[in-house]
Structures are given as structure tokens and as C-alpha cells.
Amino acid sequence: MKISKIFEEKGEVFFRNIEEKITLNILKKKNIIISLGGGSFLNKKIQKEILDNHTSFWLYWDRTVIINRIKKSSKRPIAHKLTLFELNHLIKKRSNIYSKALYKIDCNGLSKKEVVKKIFDIYETN
């Protein structure tokens, strides 16, 4: 079932509970790379596990880039229905939390390949 459908039929709380269980279970594994959705790192248990036991990267883009990517996407059940003002507020609020990640990578103007190289370079030097 698509995430947007889960949000619609079961609600965000239901989704976040499943997300927490699955993510914490995956984080028990070693030598893996996972990419979290925008709301995952907001969860205190997930955040603590990541910050205490894993290498974390915040892939940072300017707000305008983020807004242009998500404003009309139905794959983003929270952001999809927000006004521009509300979306800016959400990004600002989440950025304060995302900034707790161990590393911040400024992705503005970079290709996917360049972002991966930056992550790899940081990971290999630590």
C-alpha cells in the first residue's frame, strides 16, 4: 500500500508507529545504508538511535528547491496540501531537527553522483 493511501485510510499516527518499528529494527543491522523519509528523523527514538550509534547525513537543499520538488507531489502526504507559507514553516522547523545529523552536505547545484561522492568521501575519512 502506498504511503499516501496509509495516511488517508489509517492516519499519520498509524503510519508513524509502523515506521518507528520497522526503522528501529533495520537500524539493528550493521554495515547498511538507509535513506529516511522527511518525518522519520523527527521521531525521538529513531533520532536517538541514529545519533548514538550510526553515521548520519543531512542532505541540505535551499527551501526553493525543496518546495519546487514537493509542492505538488501526492507522494508527500503532509506537504502536499500545505500553503506556501505553511510549507516554508514546515521546512524551517524540520531543518532545526535535521541539523542534529553528524554531517551536513550542501547539495545545491550537485548531481546525484556528486552527492554520493561527498557522502562516500566523508564516510571513508572517518
C-alpha atoms as a PDB file:
ATOM      1  CA  MET A   1       0.000   0.000   0.000  1.00  0.00           C
ATOM      2  CA  LYS A   2       1.285   3.475  -0.864  1.00  0.00           C
ATOM      3  CA  ILE A   3       2.242   5.778   1.992  1.00  0.00           C
ATOM      4  CA  SER A   4      -0.287   8.380   0.855  1.00  0.00           C
ATOM      5  CA  LYS A   5      -3.013   5.716   0.998  1.00  0.00           C
ATOM      6  CA  ILE A   6      -1.972   4.674   4.530  1.00  0.00           C
ATOM      7  CA  PHE A   7      -2.123   8.323   5.627  1.00  0.00           C
ATOM      8  CA  GLU A   8      -5.538   8.703   4.007  1.00  0.00           C
ATOM      9  CA  GLU A   9      -7.091   5.483   5.337  1.00  0.00           C
ATOM     10  CA  LYS A  10      -5.306   4.905   8.658  1.00  0.00           C
ATOM     11  CA  GLY A  11      -3.835   8.305   9.562  1.00  0.00           C
ATOM     12  CA  GLU A  12      -0.384   9.651  10.297  1.00  0.00           C
ATOM     13  CA  VAL A  13      -0.169   8.206  13.829  1.00  0.00           C
ATOM     14  CA  PHE A  14      -0.738   4.694  12.488  1.00  0.00           C
ATOM     15  CA  PHE A  15       1.920   5.225   9.805  1.00  0.00           C
ATOM     16  CA  ARG A  16       4.464   6.689  12.244  1.00  0.00           C
ATOM     17  CA  ASN A  17       4.048   3.738  14.618  1.00  0.00           C
ATOM     18  CA  ILE A  18       4.797   1.281  11.817  1.00  0.00           C
ATOM     19  CA  GLU A  19       7.639   3.475  10.566  1.00  0.00           C
ATOM     20  CA  GLU A  20       9.215   3.525  14.037  1.00  0.00           C
ATOM     21  CA  LYS A  21       9.073  -0.256  14.476  1.00  0.00           C
ATOM     22  CA  ILE A  22      10.476  -1.001  11.025  1.00  0.00           C
ATOM     23  CA  THR A  23      13.182   1.668  11.153  1.00  0.00           C
ATOM     24  CA  LEU A  24      14.425   0.680  14.619  1.00  0.00           C
ATOM     25  CA  ASN A  25      14.527  -2.941  13.504  1.00  0.00           C
ATOM     26  CA  ILE A  26      16.529  -2.072  10.379  1.00  0.00           C
ATOM     27  CA  LEU A  27      18.919   0.067  12.440  1.00  0.00           C
ATOM     28  CA  LYS A  28      19.903  -3.030  14.440  1.00  0.00           C
ATOM     29  CA  LYS A  29      21.713  -4.318  11.371  1.00  0.00           C
ATOM     30  CA  LYS A  30      25.347  -3.464  10.688  1.00  0.00           C
ATOM     31  CA  ASN A  31      27.009  -2.170   7.532  1.00  0.00           C
ATOM     32  CA  ILE A  32      23.862  -0.868   5.882  1.00  0.00           C
ATOM     33  CA  ILE A  33      22.798   2.393   4.334  1.00  0.00           C
ATOM     34  CA  ILE A  34      19.245   3.627   4.700  1.00  0.00           C
ATOM     35  CA  SER A  35      17.521   6.731   3.466  1.00  0.00           C
ATOM     36  CA  LEU A  36      14.834   8.044   5.775  1.00  0.00           C
ATOM     37  CA  GLY A  37      11.720   9.925   4.800  1.00  0.00           C
ATOM     38  CA  GLY A  38      11.296  13.514   5.916  1.00  0.00           C
ATOM     39  CA  GLY A  39       9.404  12.670   9.100  1.00  0.00           C
ATOM     40  CA  SER A  40      11.446   9.693  10.312  1.00  0.00           C
ATOM     41  CA  PHE A  41      14.231  11.685  11.963  1.00  0.00           C
ATOM     42  CA  LEU A  42      11.624  13.699  13.883  1.00  0.00           C
ATOM     43  CA  ASN A  43      10.850  10.557  15.906  1.00  0.00           C
ATOM     44  CA  LYS A  44      12.829  10.805  19.163  1.00  0.00           C
ATOM     45  CA  LYS A  45      13.563   7.061  19.375  1.00  0.00           C
ATOM     46  CA  ILE A  46      14.776   6.864  15.791  1.00  0.00           C
ATOM     47  CA  GLN A  47      16.754  10.077  16.163  1.00  0.00           C
ATOM     48  CA  LYS A  48      18.448   8.882  19.373  1.00  0.00           C
ATOM     49  CA  GLU A  49      19.363   5.517  17.874  1.00  0.00           C
ATOM     50  CA  ILE A  50      20.870   7.169  14.807  1.00  0.00           C
ATOM     51  CA  LEU A  51      22.766   9.860  16.680  1.00  0.00           C
ATOM     52  CA  ASP A  52      24.092   7.446  19.311  1.00  0.00           C
ATOM     53  CA  ASN A  53      25.059   4.519  17.093  1.00  0.00           C
ATOM     54  CA  HIS A  54      25.257   5.472  13.422  1.00  0.00           C
ATOM     55  CA  THR A  55      26.768   7.922  10.960  1.00  0.00           C
ATOM     56  CA  SER A  56      24.125  10.416   9.849  1.00  0.00           C
ATOM     57  CA  PHE A  57      23.998  12.820   6.929  1.00  0.00           C
ATOM     58  CA  TRP A  58      21.621  15.700   6.342  1.00  0.00           C
ATOM     59  CA  LEU A  59      21.280  16.282   2.624  1.00  0.00           C
ATOM     60  CA  TYR A  60      20.564  20.009   2.558  1.00  0.00           C
ATOM     61  CA  TRP A  61      18.885  21.915  -0.275  1.00  0.00           C
ATOM     62  CA  ASP A  62      17.642  25.506  -0.367  1.00  0.00           C
ATOM     63  CA  ARG A  63      13.968  25.887   0.515  1.00  0.00           C
ATOM     64  CA  THR A  64      13.031  26.898  -3.002  1.00  0.00           C
ATOM     65  CA  VAL A  65      14.498  23.666  -4.389  1.00  0.00           C
ATOM     66  CA  ILE A  66      12.645  21.597  -1.799  1.00  0.00           C
ATOM     67  CA  ILE A  67       9.375  23.445  -2.357  1.00  0.00           C
ATOM     68  CA  ASN A  68       9.585  23.014  -6.127  1.00  0.00           C
ATOM     69  CA  ARG A  69      10.176  19.287  -5.669  1.00  0.00           C
ATOM     70  CA  ILE A  70       7.381  18.574  -3.227  1.00  0.00           C
ATOM     71  CA  LYS A  71       4.655  21.179  -3.554  1.00  0.00           C
ATOM     72  CA  LYS A  72       2.531  19.202  -5.990  1.00  0.00           C
ATOM     73  CA  SER A  73       3.675  15.670  -5.177  1.00  0.00           C
ATOM     74  CA  SER A  74       0.984  13.364  -3.869  1.00  0.00           C
ATOM     75  CA  LYS A  75       3.824  11.159  -2.585  1.00  0.00           C
ATOM     76  CA  ARG A  76       4.286  13.709   0.232  1.00  0.00           C
ATOM     77  CA  PRO A  77       1.067  13.325   2.237  1.00  0.00           C
ATOM     78  CA  ILE A  78       1.903  16.050   4.763  1.00  0.00           C
ATOM     79  CA  ALA A  79       3.441  18.668   2.461  1.00  0.00           C
ATOM     80  CA  HIS A  80       1.159  18.098  -0.489  1.00  0.00           C
ATOM     81  CA  LYS A  81      -1.807  20.090   0.842  1.00  0.00           C
ATOM     82  CA  LEU A  82       0.069  22.910   2.572  1.00  0.00           C
ATOM     83  CA  THR A  83       0.123  26.539   1.503  1.00  0.00           C
ATOM     84  CA  LEU A  84       3.462  28.077   0.551  1.00  0.00           C
ATOM     85  CA  PHE A  85       3.623  29.779   3.969  1.00  0.00           C
ATOM     86  CA  GLU A  86       2.893  26.507   5.783  1.00  0.00           C
ATOM     87  CA  LEU A  87       5.428  24.639   3.674  1.00  0.00           C
ATOM     88  CA  ASN A  88       8.132  27.201   4.454  1.00  0.00           C
ATOM     89  CA  HIS A  89       7.325  26.878   8.152  1.00  0.00           C
ATOM     90  CA  LEU A  90       7.493  23.070   7.985  1.00  0.00           C
ATOM     91  CA  ILE A  91      10.868  23.147   6.229  1.00  0.00           C
ATOM     92  CA  LYS A  92      12.273  25.624   8.764  1.00  0.00           C
ATOM     93  CA  LYS A  93      11.017  23.570  11.719  1.00  0.00           C
ATOM     94  CA  ARG A  94      12.351  20.314  10.306  1.00  0.00           C
ATOM     95  CA  SER A  95      15.689  21.873   9.353  1.00  0.00           C
ATOM     96  CA  ASN A  96      16.314  22.625  13.023  1.00  0.00           C
ATOM     97  CA  ILE A  97      15.931  18.919  13.756  1.00  0.00           C
ATOM     98  CA  TYR A  98      17.786  17.667  10.682  1.00  0.00           C
ATOM     99  CA  SER A  99      20.738  19.863  11.654  1.00  0.00           C
ATOM    100  CA  LYS A 100      21.408  17.428  14.506  1.00  0.00           C
ATOM    101  CA  ALA A 101      22.801  14.955  11.951  1.00  0.00           C
ATOM    102  CA  LEU A 102      26.529  14.340  12.250  1.00  0.00           C
ATOM    103  CA  TYR A 103      27.255  15.727   8.797  1.00  0.00           C
ATOM    104  CA  LYS A 104      25.536  18.306   6.610  1.00  0.00           C
ATOM    105  CA  ILE A 105      26.027  18.108   2.866  1.00  0.00           C
ATOM    106  CA  ASP A 106      25.043  21.138   0.832  1.00  0.00           C
ATOM    107  CA  CYS A 107      23.509  19.512  -2.243  1.00  0.00           C
ATOM    108  CA  ASN A 108      22.609  22.711  -4.080  1.00  0.00           C
ATOM    109  CA  GLY A 109      23.856  22.504  -7.656  1.00  0.00           C
ATOM    110  CA  LEU A 110      25.194  18.973  -7.246  1.00  0.00           C
ATOM    111  CA  SER A 111      24.265  15.932  -9.290  1.00  0.00           C
ATOM    112  CA  LYS A 112      23.232  12.705  -7.568  1.00  0.00           C
ATOM    113  CA  LYS A 113      26.663  11.288  -8.398  1.00  0.00           C
ATOM    114  CA  GLU A 114      28.388  14.275  -6.747  1.00  0.00           C
ATOM    115  CA  VAL A 115      26.238  13.935  -3.608  1.00  0.00           C
ATOM    116  CA  VAL A 116      27.093  10.243  -3.356  1.00  0.00           C
ATOM    117  CA  LYS A 117      30.800  11.066  -3.779  1.00  0.00           C
ATOM    118  CA  LYS A 118      30.640  13.629  -0.942  1.00  0.00           C
ATOM    119  CA  ILE A 119      28.954  11.093   1.345  1.00  0.00           C
ATOM    120  CA  PHE A 120      31.478   8.422   0.406  1.00  0.00           C
ATOM    121  CA  ASP A 121      34.438  10.771   0.935  1.00  0.00           C
ATOM    122  CA  ILE A 122      33.217  11.779   4.407  1.00  0.00           C
ATOM    123  CA  TYR A 123      32.446   8.197   5.370  1.00  0.00           C
ATOM    124  CA  GLU A 124      35.819   6.887   4.172  1.00  0.00           C
ATOM    125  CA  THR A 125      37.818   9.546   6.053  1.00  0.00           C
ATOM    126  CA  ASN A 126      36.135   8.764   9.389  1.00  0.00           C
END
